[in-house]
Every structure is written in structure tokens, then in C-alpha cells.
Amino acid sequence: MELREKLELLNEKSSVLEVQEYIKDMKKARKFDKVTIEREMMLFVEELGELAKAIRKNTKGRLDITKEYNDSVEEELADCFIYLLSIANMNNVDIFKAFKNKEIKNCDRVWR
């Protein structure tokens, strides 16, 4: 099955695991599956910076008020999500299971 077909099977009811599997397939198809964890982490941090910039610009925290910006918070969030799932895959982490386990711990914490 081609990558686009796999993508079209995903919808709002798809599980995080299904999306994580798609990311694994996508990286293979685009020949990104040999990227080191260190490089992947650097790319993720770079995307976080782009997200921060998009949020700043979209909330009028601009430096150049004469320039029109079209930075998409939605696209930058998607990029971050892709890298996050990719890093999880590279570490053999089921991100949904990790999320649930972490939230179970957080539920037992005292928050002030």
C-alpha cells in the first residue's frame, strides 16, 4: 500500500498508535529512517522554535509591524507532532502508553 493510501485511512477516530505507525512508514518511504536520534532531536527542537515564532507572530508580538506574516501555528504544531512521534518510534516507545503511565503518576501528585 502506498503512503498516500495509508494517510487517507487515518481520520479523527484513528488511534495514536495508528498515527505513530504511519510516521514509521512515512520515514521509510522518504528515506529518513536512517536519521540518528541526535539529529532527529535537533530537528524537533528546530520545529519547536518555528512554532514559538509562529505563535509570537500570530499574537501580534512582532518586531516589524510593516511586514505581513503568514506563519501557521497549525502547520508548526503538526511538524512538532510528527517529530515527537518519530522520536518515540526511534526509542521503541508506545507514546500513548507512555502518556497514560505519566498521567497516572501525575494524578497522584499534589499540585500547588
N, C-alpha and C. Protein backbone atom coordinates (compact mmCIF):
# COMPACT_ATOMS: atom_id res chain seq x y z
N MET A 1 0.85 -1.17 0.00
CA MET A 1 0.00 0.00 0.00
C MET A 1 0.90 1.24 0.00
N GLU A 2 0.54 2.22 -0.82
CA GLU A 2 1.32 3.45 -0.91
C GLU A 2 1.08 4.35 0.30
N LEU A 3 2.03 5.24 0.52
CA LEU A 3 1.97 6.13 1.67
C LEU A 3 0.70 6.98 1.67
N ARG A 4 0.32 7.54 0.52
CA ARG A 4 -0.87 8.38 0.46
C ARG A 4 -2.12 7.57 0.83
N GLU A 5 -2.18 6.32 0.41
CA GLU A 5 -3.32 5.46 0.77
C GLU A 5 -3.37 5.24 2.28
N LYS A 6 -2.20 5.03 2.88
CA LYS A 6 -2.14 4.86 4.34
C LYS A 6 -2.59 6.13 5.04
N LEU A 7 -2.18 7.28 4.51
CA LEU A 7 -2.58 8.56 5.09
C LEU A 7 -4.09 8.74 5.00
N GLU A 8 -4.67 8.38 3.87
CA GLU A 8 -6.12 8.56 3.68
C GLU A 8 -6.94 7.65 4.59
N LEU A 9 -6.35 6.57 5.09
CA LEU A 9 -7.04 5.69 6.03
C LEU A 9 -7.13 6.31 7.43
N LEU A 10 -6.25 7.27 7.71
CA LEU A 10 -6.28 7.93 9.02
C LEU A 10 -7.40 8.96 9.05
N ASN A 11 -8.07 9.04 10.21
CA ASN A 11 -9.12 10.04 10.38
C ASN A 11 -9.18 10.44 11.85
N GLU A 12 -10.17 11.25 12.20
CA GLU A 12 -10.29 11.77 13.56
C GLU A 12 -10.42 10.66 14.61
N LYS A 13 -10.84 9.48 14.20
CA LYS A 13 -11.01 8.37 15.14
C LYS A 13 -9.82 7.42 15.17
N SER A 14 -8.79 7.74 14.41
CA SER A 14 -7.59 6.90 14.40
C SER A 14 -6.90 6.99 15.76
N SER A 15 -6.30 5.90 16.16
CA SER A 15 -5.60 5.89 17.44
C SER A 15 -4.23 6.54 17.28
N VAL A 16 -3.66 6.94 18.40
CA VAL A 16 -2.30 7.49 18.39
C VAL A 16 -1.34 6.44 17.85
N LEU A 17 -1.55 5.18 18.19
CA LEU A 17 -0.70 4.10 17.70
C LEU A 17 -0.75 4.01 16.18
N GLU A 18 -1.93 4.19 15.59
CA GLU A 18 -2.06 4.15 14.13
C GLU A 18 -1.29 5.31 13.49
N VAL A 19 -1.37 6.48 14.10
CA VAL A 19 -0.62 7.62 13.58
C VAL A 19 0.88 7.38 13.74
N GLN A 20 1.27 6.83 14.88
CA GLN A 20 2.68 6.52 15.12
C GLN A 20 3.20 5.53 14.09
N GLU A 21 2.40 4.53 13.74
CA GLU A 21 2.79 3.56 12.71
C GLU A 21 2.91 4.24 11.35
N TYR A 22 2.01 5.17 11.04
CA TYR A 22 2.09 5.91 9.79
C TYR A 22 3.41 6.69 9.73
N ILE A 23 3.81 7.31 10.83
CA ILE A 23 5.06 8.08 10.87
C ILE A 23 6.24 7.16 10.57
N LYS A 24 6.21 5.96 11.11
CA LYS A 24 7.28 4.98 10.85
C LYS A 24 7.34 4.66 9.35
N ASP A 25 6.18 4.41 8.75
CA ASP A 25 6.11 4.11 7.32
C ASP A 25 6.54 5.31 6.48
N MET A 26 6.13 6.50 6.89
CA MET A 26 6.47 7.72 6.17
C MET A 26 7.97 7.93 6.14
N LYS A 27 8.63 7.73 7.29
CA LYS A 27 10.08 7.92 7.34
C LYS A 27 10.80 6.93 6.43
N LYS A 28 10.32 5.70 6.37
CA LYS A 28 10.92 4.71 5.46
C LYS A 28 10.72 5.12 4.01
N ALA A 29 9.50 5.51 3.68
CA ALA A 29 9.17 5.88 2.30
C ALA A 29 9.99 7.08 1.82
N ARG A 30 10.27 8.01 2.73
CA ARG A 30 11.02 9.21 2.36
C ARG A 30 12.51 9.09 2.63
N LYS A 31 12.92 7.88 2.98
CA LYS A 31 14.33 7.56 3.24
C LYS A 31 14.91 8.37 4.39
N PHE A 32 14.08 8.65 5.41
CA PHE A 32 14.52 9.33 6.62
C PHE A 32 14.74 8.34 7.76
N ASP A 33 14.63 7.05 7.48
CA ASP A 33 14.69 6.06 8.54
C ASP A 33 16.10 5.77 9.05
N LYS A 34 17.10 6.38 8.45
CA LYS A 34 18.48 6.20 8.91
C LYS A 34 18.99 7.40 9.70
N VAL A 35 18.12 8.37 9.94
CA VAL A 35 18.50 9.57 10.69
C VAL A 35 18.80 9.17 12.13
N THR A 36 19.86 9.72 12.69
CA THR A 36 20.21 9.40 14.09
C THR A 36 19.25 10.09 15.06
N ILE A 37 19.18 9.56 16.24
CA ILE A 37 18.32 10.14 17.27
C ILE A 37 18.77 11.56 17.61
N GLU A 38 20.07 11.81 17.59
CA GLU A 38 20.57 13.15 17.89
C GLU A 38 20.10 14.15 16.84
N ARG A 39 20.16 13.78 15.58
CA ARG A 39 19.71 14.67 14.51
C ARG A 39 18.20 14.87 14.58
N GLU A 40 17.48 13.81 14.86
CA GLU A 40 16.02 13.91 14.96
C GLU A 40 15.64 14.87 16.09
N MET A 41 16.36 14.79 17.19
CA MET A 41 16.08 15.67 18.31
C MET A 41 16.38 17.13 17.94
N MET A 42 17.47 17.36 17.23
CA MET A 42 17.79 18.72 16.79
C MET A 42 16.70 19.26 15.86
N LEU A 43 16.21 18.42 14.96
CA LEU A 43 15.15 18.84 14.04
C LEU A 43 13.86 19.14 14.82
N PHE A 44 13.58 18.36 15.84
CA PHE A 44 12.39 18.59 16.67
C PHE A 44 12.50 19.93 17.39
N VAL A 45 13.66 20.20 17.97
CA VAL A 45 13.86 21.46 18.68
C VAL A 45 13.75 22.64 17.69
N GLU A 46 14.26 22.46 16.50
CA GLU A 46 14.14 23.50 15.46
C GLU A 46 12.66 23.77 15.16
N GLU A 47 11.87 22.71 15.05
CA GLU A 47 10.43 22.88 14.79
C GLU A 47 9.74 23.56 15.97
N LEU A 48 10.17 23.26 17.19
CA LEU A 48 9.61 23.95 18.36
C LEU A 48 9.88 25.45 18.27
N GLY A 49 11.08 25.80 17.81
CA GLY A 49 11.41 27.21 17.62
C GLY A 49 10.52 27.85 16.58
N GLU A 50 10.26 27.15 15.49
CA GLU A 50 9.37 27.67 14.46
C GLU A 50 7.95 27.83 14.99
N LEU A 51 7.52 26.91 15.83
CA LEU A 51 6.20 27.02 16.45
C LEU A 51 6.14 28.25 17.35
N ALA A 52 7.18 28.45 18.15
CA ALA A 52 7.23 29.62 19.03
C ALA A 52 7.17 30.91 18.21
N LYS A 53 7.89 30.94 17.11
CA LYS A 53 7.89 32.12 16.24
C LYS A 53 6.51 32.36 15.63
N ALA A 54 5.87 31.29 15.18
CA ALA A 54 4.53 31.42 14.59
C ALA A 54 3.53 31.94 15.62
N ILE A 55 3.61 31.43 16.84
CA ILE A 55 2.70 31.90 17.89
C ILE A 55 2.96 33.37 18.20
N ARG A 56 4.24 33.72 18.30
CA ARG A 56 4.57 35.13 18.59
C ARG A 56 4.02 36.04 17.49
N LYS A 57 4.21 35.64 16.24
CA LYS A 57 3.76 36.48 15.13
C LYS A 57 2.25 36.53 15.03
N ASN A 58 1.59 35.44 15.34
CA ASN A 58 0.13 35.40 15.25
C ASN A 58 -0.54 36.06 16.44
N THR A 59 0.21 36.36 17.46
CA THR A 59 -0.37 37.05 18.62
C THR A 59 0.13 38.49 18.67
N LYS A 60 0.55 38.98 17.54
CA LYS A 60 0.97 40.38 17.37
C LYS A 60 2.22 40.74 18.16
N GLY A 61 3.03 39.74 18.50
CA GLY A 61 4.28 40.01 19.19
C GLY A 61 5.39 40.22 18.18
N ARG A 62 5.09 40.95 17.12
CA ARG A 62 6.00 41.14 16.00
C ARG A 62 7.03 42.22 16.28
N LEU A 63 8.11 42.12 15.55
CA LEU A 63 9.13 43.16 15.63
C LEU A 63 8.98 44.16 14.49
N ASP A 64 8.59 43.70 13.33
CA ASP A 64 8.42 44.55 12.15
C ASP A 64 6.93 44.65 11.85
N ILE A 65 6.32 45.76 12.28
CA ILE A 65 4.86 45.88 12.14
C ILE A 65 4.42 46.18 10.71
N THR A 66 5.37 46.47 9.81
CA THR A 66 5.01 46.73 8.42
C THR A 66 4.99 45.46 7.58
N LYS A 67 5.52 44.37 8.11
CA LYS A 67 5.60 43.11 7.36
C LYS A 67 4.41 42.23 7.67
N GLU A 68 3.86 41.59 6.64
CA GLU A 68 2.74 40.65 6.82
C GLU A 68 3.31 39.24 6.99
N TYR A 69 2.91 38.57 8.03
CA TYR A 69 3.38 37.22 8.31
C TYR A 69 2.28 36.21 8.04
N ASN A 70 2.65 35.07 7.51
CA ASN A 70 1.69 34.01 7.25
C ASN A 70 2.11 32.71 7.92
N ASP A 71 2.77 32.81 9.04
CA ASP A 71 3.22 31.62 9.76
C ASP A 71 2.00 30.88 10.30
N SER A 72 2.00 29.58 10.11
CA SER A 72 0.86 28.77 10.51
C SER A 72 1.16 27.99 11.79
N VAL A 73 0.49 28.37 12.86
CA VAL A 73 0.63 27.63 14.11
C VAL A 73 0.21 26.18 13.88
N GLU A 74 -0.84 25.99 13.11
CA GLU A 74 -1.34 24.64 12.83
C GLU A 74 -0.27 23.78 12.16
N GLU A 75 0.40 24.32 11.15
CA GLU A 75 1.44 23.55 10.45
C GLU A 75 2.63 23.27 11.36
N GLU A 76 3.03 24.24 12.16
CA GLU A 76 4.18 24.04 13.03
C GLU A 76 3.86 23.02 14.13
N LEU A 77 2.63 23.04 14.63
CA LEU A 77 2.21 22.02 15.61
C LEU A 77 2.25 20.64 14.97
N ALA A 78 1.81 20.55 13.72
CA ALA A 78 1.84 19.26 13.01
C ALA A 78 3.28 18.78 12.86
N ASP A 79 4.19 19.68 12.49
CA ASP A 79 5.61 19.30 12.36
C ASP A 79 6.15 18.78 13.69
N CYS A 80 5.84 19.47 14.78
CA CYS A 80 6.30 19.04 16.11
C CYS A 80 5.74 17.67 16.46
N PHE A 81 4.46 17.45 16.15
CA PHE A 81 3.81 16.17 16.42
C PHE A 81 4.50 15.05 15.65
N ILE A 82 4.81 15.32 14.38
CA ILE A 82 5.50 14.32 13.55
C ILE A 82 6.85 13.97 14.15
N TYR A 83 7.63 14.97 14.53
CA TYR A 83 8.95 14.69 15.11
C TYR A 83 8.83 14.00 16.46
N LEU A 84 7.86 14.38 17.26
CA LEU A 84 7.67 13.74 18.56
C LEU A 84 7.38 12.25 18.39
N LEU A 85 6.48 11.92 17.47
CA LEU A 85 6.16 10.50 17.23
C LEU A 85 7.36 9.77 16.63
N SER A 86 8.10 10.45 15.78
CA SER A 86 9.28 9.83 15.20
C SER A 86 10.31 9.50 16.28
N ILE A 87 10.54 10.43 17.19
CA ILE A 87 11.48 10.18 18.29
C ILE A 87 10.99 9.04 19.17
N ALA A 88 9.69 8.99 19.40
CA ALA A 88 9.13 7.86 20.16
C ALA A 88 9.42 6.55 19.44
N ASN A 89 9.19 6.52 18.13
CA ASN A 89 9.47 5.31 17.36
C ASN A 89 10.93 4.92 17.44
N MET A 90 11.81 5.90 17.34
CA MET A 90 13.25 5.61 17.36
C MET A 90 13.70 5.03 18.70
N ASN A 91 12.90 5.27 19.73
CA ASN A 91 13.22 4.75 21.07
C ASN A 91 12.30 3.60 21.47
N ASN A 92 11.56 3.08 20.50
CA ASN A 92 10.62 1.97 20.76
C ASN A 92 9.65 2.29 21.89
N VAL A 93 9.13 3.52 21.88
CA VAL A 93 8.19 3.96 22.90
C VAL A 93 6.79 4.03 22.30
N ASP A 94 5.86 3.35 22.93
CA ASP A 94 4.45 3.48 22.59
C ASP A 94 4.00 4.78 23.26
N ILE A 95 3.85 5.85 22.49
CA ILE A 95 3.62 7.17 23.05
C ILE A 95 2.30 7.24 23.81
N PHE A 96 1.29 6.52 23.36
CA PHE A 96 0.02 6.53 24.09
C PHE A 96 0.17 5.88 25.46
N LYS A 97 0.85 4.75 25.49
CA LYS A 97 1.09 4.05 26.76
C LYS A 97 1.93 4.93 27.69
N ALA A 98 2.96 5.59 27.14
CA ALA A 98 3.80 6.48 27.95
C ALA A 98 2.97 7.64 28.49
N PHE A 99 2.10 8.19 27.67
CA PHE A 99 1.21 9.27 28.10
C PHE A 99 0.32 8.82 29.24
N LYS A 100 -0.31 7.66 29.09
CA LYS A 100 -1.21 7.15 30.13
C LYS A 100 -0.44 6.91 31.43
N ASN A 101 0.72 6.27 31.34
CA ASN A 101 1.50 5.98 32.55
C ASN A 101 1.94 7.27 33.24
N LYS A 102 2.34 8.27 32.46
CA LYS A 102 2.77 9.54 33.05
C LYS A 102 1.59 10.25 33.70
N GLU A 103 0.42 10.23 33.09
CA GLU A 103 -0.74 10.88 33.67
C GLU A 103 -1.24 10.18 34.92
N ILE A 104 -1.06 8.87 34.98
CA ILE A 104 -1.41 8.13 36.20
C ILE A 104 -0.54 8.65 37.35
N LYS A 105 0.78 8.82 37.07
CA LYS A 105 1.67 9.38 38.09
C LYS A 105 1.26 10.80 38.44
N ASN A 106 0.92 11.60 37.42
CA ASN A 106 0.54 12.99 37.66
C ASN A 106 -0.73 13.10 38.47
N CYS A 107 -1.64 12.16 38.31
CA CYS A 107 -2.89 12.18 39.08
C CYS A 107 -2.64 11.99 40.56
N ASP A 108 -1.55 11.31 40.89
CA ASP A 108 -1.21 11.07 42.29
C ASP A 108 -0.37 12.18 42.91
N ARG A 109 0.05 13.13 42.10
CA ARG A 109 0.87 14.24 42.62
C ARG A 109 -0.01 15.30 43.26
N VAL A 110 0.59 16.06 44.14
CA VAL A 110 -0.10 17.19 44.75
C VAL A 110 0.33 18.44 43.98
N TRP A 111 -0.61 19.10 43.34
CA TRP A 111 -0.31 20.28 42.53
C TRP A 111 -0.66 21.53 43.30
N ARG A 112 0.25 22.48 43.34
CA ARG A 112 0.01 23.76 44.04
C ARG A 112 0.24 24.91 43.12
